[in-house]
N, C-alpha and C. Protein backbone atom coordinates (compact mmCIF):
# COMPACT_ATOMS: atom_id res chain seq x y z
N MET A 1 15.20 17.35 2.25
CA MET A 1 15.13 17.19 3.68
C MET A 1 15.47 15.76 4.07
N ARG A 2 16.25 15.61 5.10
CA ARG A 2 16.57 14.28 5.58
C ARG A 2 15.40 13.76 6.41
N GLY A 3 15.19 12.44 6.36
CA GLY A 3 14.14 11.85 7.16
C GLY A 3 12.76 11.95 6.57
N THR A 4 12.67 12.43 5.34
CA THR A 4 11.36 12.52 4.70
C THR A 4 11.43 11.92 3.31
N GLY A 5 10.27 11.63 2.76
CA GLY A 5 10.15 11.10 1.41
C GLY A 5 8.84 11.56 0.82
N TRP A 6 8.52 11.04 -0.34
CA TRP A 6 7.27 11.40 -1.03
C TRP A 6 6.44 10.15 -1.24
N ASP A 7 5.12 10.27 -1.12
CA ASP A 7 4.22 9.16 -1.38
C ASP A 7 2.88 9.73 -1.83
N TRP A 8 2.09 8.89 -2.50
CA TRP A 8 0.76 9.33 -2.97
C TRP A 8 -0.21 9.41 -1.81
N ALA A 9 -0.97 10.47 -1.77
CA ALA A 9 -2.07 10.62 -0.83
C ALA A 9 -3.34 10.55 -1.65
N ASP A 10 -4.17 9.55 -1.40
CA ASP A 10 -5.38 9.40 -2.21
C ASP A 10 -6.61 9.16 -1.36
N ASN A 11 -6.57 9.54 -0.10
CA ASN A 11 -7.72 9.31 0.77
C ASN A 11 -8.30 10.60 1.32
N SER A 12 -7.99 11.73 0.68
CA SER A 12 -8.43 13.01 1.21
C SER A 12 -9.77 13.48 0.63
N GLY A 13 -10.31 12.73 -0.31
CA GLY A 13 -11.55 13.16 -0.94
C GLY A 13 -11.30 14.04 -2.15
N SER A 14 -10.06 14.42 -2.37
CA SER A 14 -9.71 15.21 -3.54
C SER A 14 -8.87 14.35 -4.47
N ALA A 15 -8.36 14.95 -5.52
CA ALA A 15 -7.54 14.21 -6.47
C ALA A 15 -6.28 13.69 -5.79
N PRO A 16 -5.81 12.49 -6.15
CA PRO A 16 -4.56 11.98 -5.59
C PRO A 16 -3.41 12.95 -5.87
N HIS A 17 -2.51 13.06 -4.92
CA HIS A 17 -1.39 13.97 -5.05
C HIS A 17 -0.21 13.47 -4.23
N LEU A 18 0.97 13.96 -4.54
CA LEU A 18 2.15 13.61 -3.75
C LEU A 18 2.17 14.42 -2.48
N GLN A 19 2.60 13.78 -1.39
CA GLN A 19 2.77 14.51 -0.15
C GLN A 19 4.05 14.03 0.52
N ARG A 20 4.67 14.90 1.28
CA ARG A 20 5.90 14.55 2.00
C ARG A 20 5.53 13.75 3.24
N ILE A 21 6.24 12.64 3.46
CA ILE A 21 5.99 11.79 4.62
C ILE A 21 7.32 11.40 5.24
N ALA A 22 7.27 10.93 6.47
CA ALA A 22 8.47 10.46 7.15
C ALA A 22 9.00 9.21 6.46
N ASN A 23 10.31 9.08 6.34
CA ASN A 23 10.90 7.94 5.65
C ASN A 23 10.53 6.60 6.27
N ALA A 24 10.36 6.53 7.59
CA ALA A 24 9.97 5.27 8.22
C ALA A 24 8.64 4.81 7.66
N THR A 25 7.70 5.73 7.49
CA THR A 25 6.40 5.39 6.92
C THR A 25 6.55 5.02 5.46
N ALA A 26 7.35 5.78 4.72
CA ALA A 26 7.57 5.49 3.30
C ALA A 26 8.18 4.12 3.13
N SER A 27 9.13 3.78 3.97
CA SER A 27 9.80 2.49 3.88
C SER A 27 8.82 1.35 4.15
N ARG A 28 8.02 1.46 5.20
CA ARG A 28 7.04 0.41 5.53
C ARG A 28 6.00 0.28 4.44
N SER A 29 5.49 1.40 3.96
CA SER A 29 4.45 1.32 2.94
C SER A 29 5.02 0.81 1.62
N ALA A 30 6.23 1.22 1.26
CA ALA A 30 6.85 0.74 0.03
C ALA A 30 7.10 -0.76 0.10
N GLU A 31 7.57 -1.23 1.24
CA GLU A 31 7.81 -2.67 1.41
C GLU A 31 6.51 -3.46 1.31
N ALA A 32 5.45 -2.96 1.94
CA ALA A 32 4.16 -3.64 1.90
C ALA A 32 3.59 -3.63 0.48
N TYR A 33 3.72 -2.51 -0.23
CA TYR A 33 3.22 -2.43 -1.60
C TYR A 33 4.01 -3.37 -2.51
N ARG A 34 5.32 -3.43 -2.32
CA ARG A 34 6.16 -4.33 -3.10
C ARG A 34 5.73 -5.78 -2.90
N ALA A 35 5.41 -6.15 -1.65
CA ALA A 35 4.94 -7.51 -1.38
C ALA A 35 3.62 -7.78 -2.10
N TYR A 36 2.72 -6.79 -2.12
CA TYR A 36 1.43 -6.93 -2.80
C TYR A 36 1.63 -7.13 -4.31
N VAL A 37 2.48 -6.29 -4.91
CA VAL A 37 2.72 -6.37 -6.36
C VAL A 37 3.41 -7.67 -6.72
N THR A 38 4.39 -8.07 -5.92
CA THR A 38 5.10 -9.33 -6.17
C THR A 38 4.14 -10.51 -6.10
N HIS A 39 3.26 -10.50 -5.12
CA HIS A 39 2.26 -11.56 -5.01
C HIS A 39 1.38 -11.60 -6.25
N GLY A 40 0.90 -10.45 -6.67
CA GLY A 40 0.02 -10.38 -7.83
C GLY A 40 0.67 -10.92 -9.09
N ALA A 41 1.97 -10.71 -9.22
CA ALA A 41 2.68 -11.18 -10.41
C ALA A 41 2.93 -12.69 -10.37
N ASN A 42 2.89 -13.28 -9.19
CA ASN A 42 3.26 -14.69 -9.04
C ASN A 42 2.16 -15.59 -8.47
N CYS A 43 0.99 -15.04 -8.22
CA CYS A 43 -0.08 -15.79 -7.56
C CYS A 43 -0.68 -16.84 -8.49
N GLY A 44 -0.93 -17.99 -7.94
CA GLY A 44 -1.57 -19.05 -8.70
C GLY A 44 -3.04 -19.22 -8.36
N ASP A 45 -3.57 -18.35 -7.48
CA ASP A 45 -4.95 -18.46 -7.03
C ASP A 45 -5.86 -17.44 -7.69
N GLY A 46 -5.68 -17.21 -8.97
CA GLY A 46 -6.58 -16.30 -9.67
C GLY A 46 -5.95 -14.97 -10.02
N CYS A 47 -4.82 -14.63 -9.46
CA CYS A 47 -4.13 -13.40 -9.81
C CYS A 47 -3.32 -13.66 -11.06
N PRO A 48 -2.90 -12.71 -11.84
CA PRO A 48 -3.26 -11.30 -11.74
C PRO A 48 -4.62 -11.02 -12.36
N GLY A 49 -5.15 -9.87 -12.04
CA GLY A 49 -6.40 -9.43 -12.61
C GLY A 49 -7.62 -9.83 -11.82
N LYS A 50 -7.46 -10.70 -10.84
CA LYS A 50 -8.57 -11.12 -10.00
C LYS A 50 -8.14 -11.02 -8.55
N ARG A 51 -9.11 -10.94 -7.67
CA ARG A 51 -8.83 -10.84 -6.25
C ARG A 51 -8.70 -12.21 -5.62
N CYS A 52 -7.82 -12.31 -4.62
CA CYS A 52 -7.71 -13.53 -3.84
C CYS A 52 -7.52 -13.12 -2.38
N ALA A 53 -7.69 -14.04 -1.47
CA ALA A 53 -7.61 -13.74 -0.04
C ALA A 53 -6.22 -13.22 0.35
N THR A 54 -5.19 -13.84 -0.17
CA THR A 54 -3.83 -13.40 0.16
C THR A 54 -3.58 -12.00 -0.36
N GLY A 55 -4.02 -11.73 -1.58
CA GLY A 55 -3.88 -10.39 -2.13
C GLY A 55 -4.61 -9.35 -1.30
N ASP A 56 -5.82 -9.69 -0.85
CA ASP A 56 -6.58 -8.78 0.00
C ASP A 56 -5.85 -8.51 1.31
N GLU A 57 -5.24 -9.55 1.90
CA GLU A 57 -4.49 -9.38 3.15
C GLU A 57 -3.26 -8.50 2.93
N LEU A 58 -2.57 -8.70 1.81
CA LEU A 58 -1.39 -7.89 1.52
C LEU A 58 -1.78 -6.43 1.27
N TRP A 59 -2.92 -6.21 0.60
CA TRP A 59 -3.38 -4.84 0.39
C TRP A 59 -3.72 -4.18 1.73
N GLN A 60 -4.36 -4.94 2.62
CA GLN A 60 -4.69 -4.40 3.94
C GLN A 60 -3.42 -4.05 4.70
N ALA A 61 -2.38 -4.87 4.58
CA ALA A 61 -1.10 -4.57 5.25
C ALA A 61 -0.51 -3.28 4.69
N TYR A 62 -0.66 -3.06 3.38
CA TYR A 62 -0.19 -1.81 2.76
C TYR A 62 -0.98 -0.62 3.31
N GLU A 63 -2.28 -0.73 3.35
CA GLU A 63 -3.11 0.35 3.90
C GLU A 63 -2.74 0.63 5.35
N ASP A 64 -2.53 -0.41 6.13
CA ASP A 64 -2.15 -0.23 7.54
C ASP A 64 -0.80 0.46 7.66
N ALA A 65 0.15 0.09 6.79
CA ALA A 65 1.48 0.70 6.82
C ALA A 65 1.40 2.20 6.49
N LYS A 66 0.44 2.57 5.67
CA LYS A 66 0.26 3.97 5.33
C LYS A 66 -0.53 4.71 6.40
N GLY A 67 -1.06 3.96 7.37
CA GLY A 67 -1.79 4.60 8.45
C GLY A 67 -3.25 4.81 8.19
N ARG A 68 -3.79 4.06 7.26
CA ARG A 68 -5.22 4.18 6.97
C ARG A 68 -5.79 2.79 6.80
N SER A 69 -6.57 2.37 7.74
CA SER A 69 -7.14 1.03 7.72
C SER A 69 -8.44 1.02 6.96
N THR A 70 -8.63 -0.02 6.14
CA THR A 70 -9.89 -0.19 5.41
C THR A 70 -10.64 -1.39 5.93
N SER A 71 -10.18 -1.95 7.05
CA SER A 71 -10.77 -3.18 7.55
C SER A 71 -12.08 -2.93 8.30
N GLY A 72 -12.38 -1.67 8.61
CA GLY A 72 -13.61 -1.37 9.32
C GLY A 72 -13.48 -1.55 10.80
N ALA A 73 -12.30 -1.88 11.29
CA ALA A 73 -12.09 -2.08 12.73
C ALA A 73 -11.73 -0.79 13.41
């Protein structure tokens, strides 16, 4: 199908699974996740393997791009 893609859904309370999503969402979430992973590989503030403020912000941007906020707002 044009205009759709696949991404992991892991917030349904069940086992993570692939679900079809709109490409605009897939593109935003993939870009945000790529930024998070790139940061983790190059961070000098305790990453990889540890949390840092920038990493937390990038993860939140990824969650927001997927349409699920974990910020509590």
